[in-house]
Amino acid sequence: MSFFSVKKLSKSFGGLQANHMIDLEVEKGEIRGVIGPNGAGKTTFFNVVSGFYAPSSGTVEFKGQVISGLSSSKIAKMGVVRTFQRPALFPDFTVLENVVVARHLNADASLMNAIFRHNNKAEAGNLKRAKEIIDFLGLEQEQDNLAANLSHGHQRVLGVAMALATEPELLMLDEPVAGMNSGEKAIMVDHVKKIRDDWGITILLVEHDMKTVMNLCDKITVLDFGEKLAEGLPEEIIHNKKVIEAYLGADEIVA
């Protein structure tokens, strides 16, 4: 039984075929990258897998259960959680409050209870776990700062912290280093490796930054025009002629 698999997955919007017959299997503990030129269908693929769109055909399976067609919230509660290109933060809450809110929402608490922190036995545990996540991701010095006042890099890390607060088994990262400088990218790469190595969470990521992908991923799947073009180890992908042609020149994929 595969930990996570996509089988013959297709998604159409009217006459537009955004994804076509995509197959993919991810092993537990793997960091898998999904790459491709602009318009390759990466965002649609992520949206279908995470439940924001239902597939036109094909299936998505997680630990032997079909999850395609379920709501994004139900998929998240099963352990498949995603981040977004623009982190969905509460800008007027502190870093710690943002992570605590994510803990509450995962536990089916109402948003108002999460915000106002009504007394309950779980509150101390939620607060403790939130602080553990913040410390793990190096945000402890920022925990009392408002999310709105964080640097771009720290906001991206906070988005990951909030996803971790929901206790995922498969974490889907949507362009985790977008807009970051080289130092921030290096920190995020270290965080992702630690999430897998220290906490055993499997990672599936879409990313445009090829240096990040090549340095981070165990295996890479390449999409082009909505179809799977290639798949393999980073050193195989970087020298794949079809991939080089899709990116219109080797310089665009060399790490």
C-alpha atoms as a PDB file:
ATOM      1  CA  MET A   1       0.000   0.000   0.000  1.00  0.00           C
ATOM      2  CA  SER A   2       1.388   3.381  -1.012  1.00  0.00           C
ATOM      3  CA  PHE A   3       1.562   6.135   1.601  1.00  0.00           C
ATOM      4  CA  PHE A   4       0.266   8.681  -0.917  1.00  0.00           C
ATOM      5  CA  SER A   5      -0.640   8.152  -4.555  1.00  0.00           C
ATOM      6  CA  VAL A   6      -2.265   9.898  -7.490  1.00  0.00           C
ATOM      7  CA  LYS A   7      -3.709   7.669 -10.195  1.00  0.00           C
ATOM      8  CA  LYS A   8      -4.692   8.820 -13.701  1.00  0.00           C
ATOM      9  CA  LEU A   9      -5.620  12.221 -12.287  1.00  0.00           C
ATOM     10  CA  SER A  10      -7.243  14.652 -14.721  1.00  0.00           C
ATOM     11  CA  LYS A  11      -8.877  18.033 -14.270  1.00  0.00           C
ATOM     12  CA  SER A  12     -10.687  20.042 -16.928  1.00  0.00           C
ATOM     13  CA  PHE A  13     -12.208  23.505 -16.830  1.00  0.00           C
ATOM     14  CA  GLY A  14     -14.686  23.635 -19.665  1.00  0.00           C
ATOM     15  CA  GLY A  15     -12.612  22.830 -22.735  1.00  0.00           C
ATOM     16  CA  LEU A  16      -9.285  23.429 -20.986  1.00  0.00           C
ATOM     17  CA  GLN A  17      -7.410  20.311 -19.855  1.00  0.00           C
ATOM     18  CA  ALA A  18      -5.320  21.558 -16.914  1.00  0.00           C
ATOM     19  CA  ASN A  19      -4.163  18.109 -15.729  1.00  0.00           C
ATOM     20  CA  HIS A  20      -4.225  14.915 -17.772  1.00  0.00           C
ATOM     21  CA  MET A  21      -3.695  11.347 -16.548  1.00  0.00           C
ATOM     22  CA  ILE A  22      -1.075  12.167 -13.906  1.00  0.00           C
ATOM     23  CA  ASP A  23       0.384   9.279 -11.897  1.00  0.00           C
ATOM     24  CA  LEU A  24       2.502   9.886  -8.796  1.00  0.00           C
ATOM     25  CA  GLU A  25       3.496   7.899  -5.717  1.00  0.00           C
ATOM     26  CA  VAL A  26       5.144   9.370  -2.633  1.00  0.00           C
ATOM     27  CA  GLU A  27       6.764   7.193   0.019  1.00  0.00           C
ATOM     28  CA  LYS A  28       6.429   7.923   3.726  1.00  0.00           C
ATOM     29  CA  GLY A  29       9.273  10.173   4.841  1.00  0.00           C
ATOM     30  CA  GLU A  30      10.040  11.443   1.342  1.00  0.00           C
ATOM     31  CA  ILE A  31      10.501  15.029   0.208  1.00  0.00           C
ATOM     32  CA  ARG A  32       8.960  15.145  -3.277  1.00  0.00           C
ATOM     33  CA  GLY A  33       9.166  18.166  -5.549  1.00  0.00           C
ATOM     34  CA  VAL A  34       6.706  18.988  -8.332  1.00  0.00           C
ATOM     35  CA  ILE A  35       8.131  21.386 -10.903  1.00  0.00           C
ATOM     36  CA  GLY A  36       7.356  22.638 -14.380  1.00  0.00           C
ATOM     37  CA  PRO A  37       7.362  25.777 -16.506  1.00  0.00           C
ATOM     38  CA  ASN A  38       4.615  28.381 -16.170  1.00  0.00           C
ATOM     39  CA  GLY A  39       1.273  26.933 -17.235  1.00  0.00           C
ATOM     40  CA  ALA A  40       2.370  23.349 -16.586  1.00  0.00           C
ATOM     41  CA  GLY A  41      -0.612  22.622 -14.320  1.00  0.00           C
ATOM     42  CA  LYS A  42       1.211  22.589 -10.983  1.00  0.00           C
ATOM     43  CA  THR A  43      -1.230  24.838  -9.119  1.00  0.00           C
ATOM     44  CA  THR A  44      -4.261  22.930 -10.422  1.00  0.00           C
ATOM     45  CA  PHE A  45      -2.610  19.667  -9.390  1.00  0.00           C
ATOM     46  CA  PHE A  46      -2.039  20.983  -5.861  1.00  0.00           C
ATOM     47  CA  ASN A  47      -5.597  22.274  -5.651  1.00  0.00           C
ATOM     48  CA  VAL A  48      -7.077  18.949  -6.740  1.00  0.00           C
ATOM     49  CA  VAL A  49      -4.879  16.903  -4.409  1.00  0.00           C
ATOM     50  CA  SER A  50      -5.702  19.117  -1.413  1.00  0.00           C
ATOM     51  CA  GLY A  51      -9.461  19.127  -2.077  1.00  0.00           C
ATOM     52  CA  PHE A  52     -10.029  22.638  -3.388  1.00  0.00           C
ATOM     53  CA  TYR A  53     -11.117  21.131  -6.708  1.00  0.00           C
ATOM     54  CA  ALA A  54     -12.673  17.751  -7.367  1.00  0.00           C
ATOM     55  CA  PRO A  55     -10.888  15.810 -10.116  1.00  0.00           C
ATOM     56  CA  SER A  56     -12.605  15.304 -13.462  1.00  0.00           C
ATOM     57  CA  SER A  57     -11.330  11.725 -13.344  1.00  0.00           C
ATOM     58  CA  GLY A  58      -8.774   9.635 -11.501  1.00  0.00           C
ATOM     59  CA  THR A  59      -8.144   9.279  -7.788  1.00  0.00           C
ATOM     60  CA  VAL A  60      -5.989  10.544  -4.946  1.00  0.00           C
ATOM     61  CA  GLU A  61      -5.263   8.033  -2.161  1.00  0.00           C
ATOM     62  CA  PHE A  62      -3.749   8.579   1.280  1.00  0.00           C
ATOM     63  CA  LYS A  63      -2.758   5.546   3.352  1.00  0.00           C
ATOM     64  CA  GLY A  64      -5.042   3.353   1.276  1.00  0.00           C
ATOM     65  CA  GLN A  65      -8.086   5.621   1.472  1.00  0.00           C
ATOM     66  CA  VAL A  66      -9.492   7.540  -1.488  1.00  0.00           C
ATOM     67  CA  ILE A  67      -9.527  11.236  -0.568  1.00  0.00           C
ATOM     68  CA  SER A  68     -10.228  12.778  -3.971  1.00  0.00           C
ATOM     69  CA  GLY A  69     -13.558  14.579  -4.024  1.00  0.00           C
ATOM     70  CA  LEU A  70     -13.572  15.180  -0.265  1.00  0.00           C
ATOM     71  CA  SER A  71     -13.598  18.719   1.102  1.00  0.00           C
ATOM     72  CA  SER A  72     -10.278  20.380   1.825  1.00  0.00           C
ATOM     73  CA  SER A  73     -11.139  20.562   5.532  1.00  0.00           C
ATOM     74  CA  LYS A  74     -11.890  16.835   5.713  1.00  0.00           C
ATOM     75  CA  ILE A  75      -8.672  16.003   3.864  1.00  0.00           C
ATOM     76  CA  ALA A  76      -6.742  18.203   6.290  1.00  0.00           C
ATOM     77  CA  LYS A  77      -8.261  16.400   9.263  1.00  0.00           C
ATOM     78  CA  MET A  78      -7.118  13.109   7.748  1.00  0.00           C
ATOM     79  CA  GLY A  79      -3.548  14.408   7.845  1.00  0.00           C
ATOM     80  CA  VAL A  80      -2.944  16.030   4.431  1.00  0.00           C
ATOM     81  CA  VAL A  81      -2.355  19.738   5.040  1.00  0.00           C
ATOM     82  CA  ARG A  82      -1.177  22.468   2.684  1.00  0.00           C
ATOM     83  CA  THR A  83       0.284  25.928   2.873  1.00  0.00           C
ATOM     84  CA  PHE A  84      -0.370  28.703   0.365  1.00  0.00           C
ATOM     85  CA  GLN A  85       1.734  31.039  -1.752  1.00  0.00           C
ATOM     86  CA  ARG A  86       0.325  33.838   0.400  1.00  0.00           C
ATOM     87  CA  PRO A  87       0.211  32.667   4.014  1.00  0.00           C
ATOM     88  CA  ALA A  88      -3.292  32.766   5.517  1.00  0.00           C
ATOM     89  CA  LEU A  89      -2.325  34.603   8.695  1.00  0.00           C
ATOM     90  CA  PHE A  90      -4.289  36.632  11.241  1.00  0.00           C
ATOM     91  CA  PRO A  91      -2.299  39.878  10.846  1.00  0.00           C
ATOM     92  CA  ASP A  92      -3.497  41.480  14.086  1.00  0.00           C
ATOM     93  CA  PHE A  93      -2.671  38.431  16.194  1.00  0.00           C
ATOM     94  CA  THR A  94       0.758  37.616  17.587  1.00  0.00           C
ATOM     95  CA  VAL A  95       2.819  34.757  16.238  1.00  0.00           C
ATOM     96  CA  LEU A  96       1.854  32.631  19.242  1.00  0.00           C
ATOM     97  CA  GLU A  97      -1.839  33.457  18.889  1.00  0.00           C
ATOM     98  CA  ASN A  98      -1.773  32.505  15.206  1.00  0.00           C
ATOM     99  CA  VAL A  99      -0.377  29.067  15.994  1.00  0.00           C
ATOM    100  CA  VAL A 100      -2.802  28.532  18.888  1.00  0.00           C
ATOM    101  CA  VAL A 101      -5.720  29.450  16.607  1.00  0.00           C
ATOM    102  CA  ALA A 102      -4.508  26.846  14.105  1.00  0.00           C
ATOM    103  CA  ARG A 103      -4.458  24.268  16.918  1.00  0.00           C
ATOM    104  CA  HIS A 104      -8.064  25.098  17.871  1.00  0.00           C
ATOM    105  CA  LEU A 105      -9.376  25.041  14.324  1.00  0.00           C
ATOM    106  CA  ASN A 106      -7.869  21.604  13.796  1.00  0.00           C
ATOM    107  CA  ALA A 107      -9.715  20.367  16.876  1.00  0.00           C
ATOM    108  CA  ASP A 108     -13.121  21.453  15.504  1.00  0.00           C
ATOM    109  CA  ALA A 109     -13.344  24.380  17.895  1.00  0.00           C
ATOM    110  CA  SER A 110     -15.253  27.389  16.658  1.00  0.00           C
ATOM    111  CA  LEU A 111     -13.286  30.339  15.334  1.00  0.00           C
ATOM    112  CA  MET A 112     -14.607  32.546  18.162  1.00  0.00           C
ATOM    113  CA  ASN A 113     -13.473  30.057  20.786  1.00  0.00           C
ATOM    114  CA  ALA A 114     -10.101  29.854  19.094  1.00  0.00           C
ATOM    115  CA  ILE A 115      -9.731  33.638  19.085  1.00  0.00           C
ATOM    116  CA  PHE A 116     -10.946  34.320  22.599  1.00  0.00           C
ATOM    117  CA  ARG A 117      -9.490  31.152  24.097  1.00  0.00           C
ATOM    118  CA  HIS A 118     -12.382  30.037  26.216  1.00  0.00           C
ATOM    119  CA  ASN A 119     -11.226  27.948  29.153  1.00  0.00           C
ATOM    120  CA  ASN A 120     -10.951  24.236  28.567  1.00  0.00           C
ATOM    121  CA  LYS A 121      -8.685  21.402  29.591  1.00  0.00           C
ATOM    122  CA  ALA A 122      -6.986  21.332  26.204  1.00  0.00           C
ATOM    123  CA  GLU A 123      -5.872  24.969  26.349  1.00  0.00           C
ATOM    124  CA  ALA A 124      -2.665  24.363  28.278  1.00  0.00           C
ATOM    125  CA  GLY A 125      -1.760  21.557  25.900  1.00  0.00           C
ATOM    126  CA  ASN A 126      -2.486  23.700  22.860  1.00  0.00           C
ATOM    127  CA  LEU A 127      -0.334  26.509  24.201  1.00  0.00           C
ATOM    128  CA  LYS A 128       2.527  24.143  25.021  1.00  0.00           C
ATOM    129  CA  ARG A 129       2.417  22.545  21.589  1.00  0.00           C
ATOM    130  CA  ALA A 130       2.242  25.934  19.861  1.00  0.00           C
ATOM    131  CA  LYS A 131       5.369  27.062  21.712  1.00  0.00           C
ATOM    132  CA  GLU A 132       7.156  23.839  20.764  1.00  0.00           C
ATOM    133  CA  ILE A 133       6.406  24.475  17.096  1.00  0.00           C
ATOM    134  CA  ILE A 134       7.487  28.105  17.329  1.00  0.00           C
ATOM    135  CA  ASP A 135      10.767  27.117  18.990  1.00  0.00           C
ATOM    136  CA  PHE A 136      11.326  24.314  16.468  1.00  0.00           C
ATOM    137  CA  LEU A 137      11.067  26.797  13.588  1.00  0.00           C
ATOM    138  CA  GLY A 138      13.219  29.446  15.236  1.00  0.00           C
ATOM    139  CA  LEU A 139      10.421  31.970  15.804  1.00  0.00           C
ATOM    140  CA  GLU A 140      10.719  32.159  19.586  1.00  0.00           C
ATOM    141  CA  GLN A 141      12.025  35.725  19.502  1.00  0.00           C
ATOM    142  CA  GLU A 142       9.032  36.724  17.370  1.00  0.00           C
ATOM    143  CA  GLN A 143       6.278  34.934  19.295  1.00  0.00           C
ATOM    144  CA  ASP A 144       4.869  38.111  20.883  1.00  0.00           C
ATOM    145  CA  ASN A 145       5.097  40.194  17.692  1.00  0.00           C
ATOM    146  CA  LEU A 146       2.073  40.773  15.469  1.00  0.00           C
ATOM    147  CA  ALA A 147       2.047  38.721  12.301  1.00  0.00           C
ATOM    148  CA  ALA A 148       1.565  41.914  10.278  1.00  0.00           C
ATOM    149  CA  ASN A 149       4.898  43.240  11.539  1.00  0.00           C
ATOM    150  CA  LEU A 150       6.961  40.206  10.567  1.00  0.00           C
ATOM    151  CA  SER A 151       9.396  40.170   7.670  1.00  0.00           C
ATOM    152  CA  HIS A 152       8.283  38.330   4.545  1.00  0.00           C
ATOM    153  CA  GLY A 153      10.512  35.386   5.417  1.00  0.00           C
ATOM    154  CA  HIS A 154       9.144  35.105   8.947  1.00  0.00           C
ATOM    155  CA  GLN A 155       5.569  35.313   7.651  1.00  0.00           C
ATOM    156  CA  ARG A 156       6.299  32.356   5.377  1.00  0.00           C
ATOM    157  CA  VAL A 157       7.732  30.404   8.295  1.00  0.00           C
ATOM    158  CA  LEU A 158       4.682  31.293  10.404  1.00  0.00           C
ATOM    159  CA  GLY A 159       2.466  29.877   7.665  1.00  0.00           C
ATOM    160  CA  VAL A 160       4.383  26.603   7.962  1.00  0.00           C
ATOM    161  CA  ALA A 161       4.092  26.735  11.762  1.00  0.00           C
ATOM    162  CA  MET A 162       0.318  27.055  11.486  1.00  0.00           C
ATOM    163  CA  ALA A 163       0.199  24.074   9.143  1.00  0.00           C
ATOM    164  CA  LEU A 164       2.318  22.032  11.578  1.00  0.00           C
ATOM    165  CA  ALA A 165      -0.099  22.974  14.365  1.00  0.00           C
ATOM    166  CA  THR A 166      -2.716  20.809  12.664  1.00  0.00           C
ATOM    167  CA  GLU A 167      -0.448  17.747  13.106  1.00  0.00           C
ATOM    168  CA  PRO A 168      -0.128  16.695   9.460  1.00  0.00           C
ATOM    169  CA  GLU A 169       1.347  13.443   8.213  1.00  0.00           C
ATOM    170  CA  LEU A 170       1.735  14.838   4.685  1.00  0.00           C
ATOM    171  CA  LEU A 171       2.623  18.523   4.436  1.00  0.00           C
ATOM    172  CA  MET A 172       2.051  20.196   1.069  1.00  0.00           C
ATOM    173  CA  LEU A 173       4.146  23.327   0.580  1.00  0.00           C
ATOM    174  CA  ASP A 174       3.055  25.745  -2.136  1.00  0.00           C
ATOM    175  CA  GLU A 175       6.171  27.651  -3.285  1.00  0.00           C
ATOM    176  CA  PRO A 176       7.716  27.811   0.202  1.00  0.00           C
ATOM    177  CA  VAL A 177      10.616  30.116  -0.783  1.00  0.00           C
ATOM    178  CA  ALA A 178       8.713  32.492  -3.084  1.00  0.00           C
ATOM    179  CA  GLY A 179       9.869  36.092  -2.648  1.00  0.00           C
ATOM    180  CA  MET A 180      12.664  35.207  -0.232  1.00  0.00           C
ATOM    181  CA  ASN A 181      16.255  36.363  -0.355  1.00  0.00           C
ATOM    182  CA  SER A 182      19.071  33.798  -0.410  1.00  0.00           C
ATOM    183  CA  GLY A 183      19.484  33.775   3.366  1.00  0.00           C
ATOM    184  CA  GLU A 184      15.781  33.262   3.975  1.00  0.00           C
ATOM    185  CA  LYS A 185      15.711  30.473   1.383  1.00  0.00           C
ATOM    186  CA  ALA A 186      18.537  28.639   3.125  1.00  0.00           C
ATOM    187  CA  ILE A 187      16.696  28.869   6.450  1.00  0.00           C
ATOM    188  CA  MET A 188      13.469  27.536   4.923  1.00  0.00           C
ATOM    189  CA  VAL A 189      15.334  24.632   3.316  1.00  0.00           C
ATOM    190  CA  ASP A 190      16.788  23.740   6.725  1.00  0.00           C
ATOM    191  CA  HIS A 191      13.320  23.940   8.288  1.00  0.00           C
ATOM    192  CA  VAL A 192      11.805  21.609   5.701  1.00  0.00           C
ATOM    193  CA  LYS A 193      14.592  19.072   6.171  1.00  0.00           C
ATOM    194  CA  LYS A 194      14.106  19.201   9.948  1.00  0.00           C
ATOM    195  CA  ILE A 195      10.336  18.751   9.596  1.00  0.00           C
ATOM    196  CA  ARG A 196      10.999  15.522   7.720  1.00  0.00           C
ATOM    197  CA  ASP A 197      14.059  14.311   9.625  1.00  0.00           C
ATOM    198  CA  ASP A 198      13.048  15.224  13.191  1.00  0.00           C
ATOM    199  CA  TRP A 199       9.263  14.897  13.037  1.00  0.00           C
ATOM    200  CA  GLY A 200       8.886  12.261  10.308  1.00  0.00           C
ATOM    201  CA  ILE A 201       6.469  14.334   8.228  1.00  0.00           C
ATOM    202  CA  THR A 202       6.340  13.583   4.511  1.00  0.00           C
ATOM    203  CA  ILE A 203       6.671  16.619   2.225  1.00  0.00           C
ATOM    204  CA  LEU A 204       5.136  17.344  -1.187  1.00  0.00           C
ATOM    205  CA  LEU A 205       6.113  20.725  -2.577  1.00  0.00           C
ATOM    206  CA  VAL A 206       5.606  22.873  -5.648  1.00  0.00           C
ATOM    207  CA  GLU A 207       8.448  25.307  -6.214  1.00  0.00           C
ATOM    208  CA  HIS A 208       9.912  27.447  -9.019  1.00  0.00           C
ATOM    209  CA  ASP A 209      13.327  27.949  -7.434  1.00  0.00           C
ATOM    210  CA  MET A 210      15.375  25.157  -8.986  1.00  0.00           C
ATOM    211  CA  LYS A 211      18.339  25.474  -6.625  1.00  0.00           C
ATOM    212  CA  THR A 212      15.997  24.915  -3.692  1.00  0.00           C
ATOM    213  CA  VAL A 213      14.313  21.953  -5.365  1.00  0.00           C
ATOM    214  CA  MET A 214      17.567  20.269  -6.347  1.00  0.00           C
ATOM    215  CA  ASN A 215      19.092  20.726  -2.897  1.00  0.00           C
ATOM    216  CA  LEU A 216      16.006  19.667  -0.971  1.00  0.00           C
ATOM    217  CA  CYS A 217      14.054  16.961  -2.780  1.00  0.00           C
ATOM    218  CA  ASP A 218      14.651  13.212  -2.749  1.00  0.00           C
ATOM    219  CA  LYS A 219      12.737  12.834  -5.990  1.00  0.00           C
ATOM    220  CA  ILE A 220      11.227  15.241  -8.521  1.00  0.00           C
ATOM    221  CA  THR A 221       8.148  15.019 -10.741  1.00  0.00           C
ATOM    222  CA  VAL A 222       8.039  17.333 -13.755  1.00  0.00           C
ATOM    223  CA  LEU A 223       4.769  18.529 -15.293  1.00  0.00           C
ATOM    224  CA  ASP A 224       4.398  20.168 -18.692  1.00  0.00           C
ATOM    225  CA  PHE A 225       1.140  21.134 -20.408  1.00  0.00           C
ATOM    226  CA  GLY A 226      -0.776  19.349 -17.642  1.00  0.00           C
ATOM    227  CA  GLU A 227       0.945  15.989 -18.093  1.00  0.00           C
ATOM    228  CA  LYS A 228       3.801  14.231 -16.341  1.00  0.00           C
ATOM    229  CA  LEU A 229       6.885  14.816 -18.444  1.00  0.00           C
ATOM    230  CA  ALA A 230       9.539  13.147 -16.314  1.00  0.00           C
ATOM    231  CA  GLU A 231      10.274  11.798 -12.859  1.00  0.00           C
ATOM    232  CA  GLY A 232      13.441  10.844 -11.066  1.00  0.00           C
ATOM    233  CA  LEU A 233      16.293  11.803  -8.788  1.00  0.00           C
ATOM    234  CA  PRO A 234      17.476  15.424  -8.897  1.00  0.00           C
ATOM    235  CA  GLU A 235      20.645  14.495 -10.789  1.00  0.00           C
ATOM    236  CA  GLU A 236      18.546  12.653 -13.363  1.00  0.00           C
ATOM    237  CA  ILE A 237      16.070  15.497 -13.830  1.00  0.00           C
ATOM    238  CA  ILE A 238      18.720  18.182 -14.195  1.00  0.00           C
ATOM    239  CA  HIS A 239      20.205  16.371 -17.208  1.00  0.00           C
ATOM    240  CA  ASN A 240      16.927  15.175 -18.754  1.00  0.00           C
ATOM    241  CA  LYS A 241      16.705  16.488 -22.328  1.00  0.00           C
ATOM    242  CA  LYS A 242      12.901  16.690 -22.299  1.00  0.00           C
ATOM    243  CA  VAL A 243      12.978  18.746 -19.122  1.00  0.00           C
ATOM    244  CA  ILE A 244      15.665  21.045 -20.487  1.00  0.00           C
ATOM    245  CA  GLU A 245      13.610  21.618 -23.644  1.00  0.00           C
ATOM    246  CA  ALA A 246      10.479  22.336 -21.575  1.00  0.00           C
ATOM    247  CA  TYR A 247      12.360  25.010 -19.662  1.00  0.00           C
ATOM    248  CA  LEU A 248      13.766  26.473 -22.925  1.00  0.00           C
ATOM    249  CA  GLY A 249      17.410  26.044 -21.975  1.00  0.00           C
ATOM    250  CA  ALA A 250      19.592  24.275 -19.462  1.00  0.00           C
ATOM    251  CA  ASP A 251      20.461  27.463 -17.625  1.00  0.00           C
ATOM    252  CA  GLU A 252      16.958  27.619 -16.222  1.00  0.00           C
ATOM    253  CA  ILE A 253      17.153  24.307 -14.387  1.00  0.00           C
ATOM    254  CA  VAL A 254      20.784  24.139 -13.328  1.00  0.00           C
ATOM    255  CA  ALA A 255      21.082  24.353  -9.527  1.00  0.00           C
END
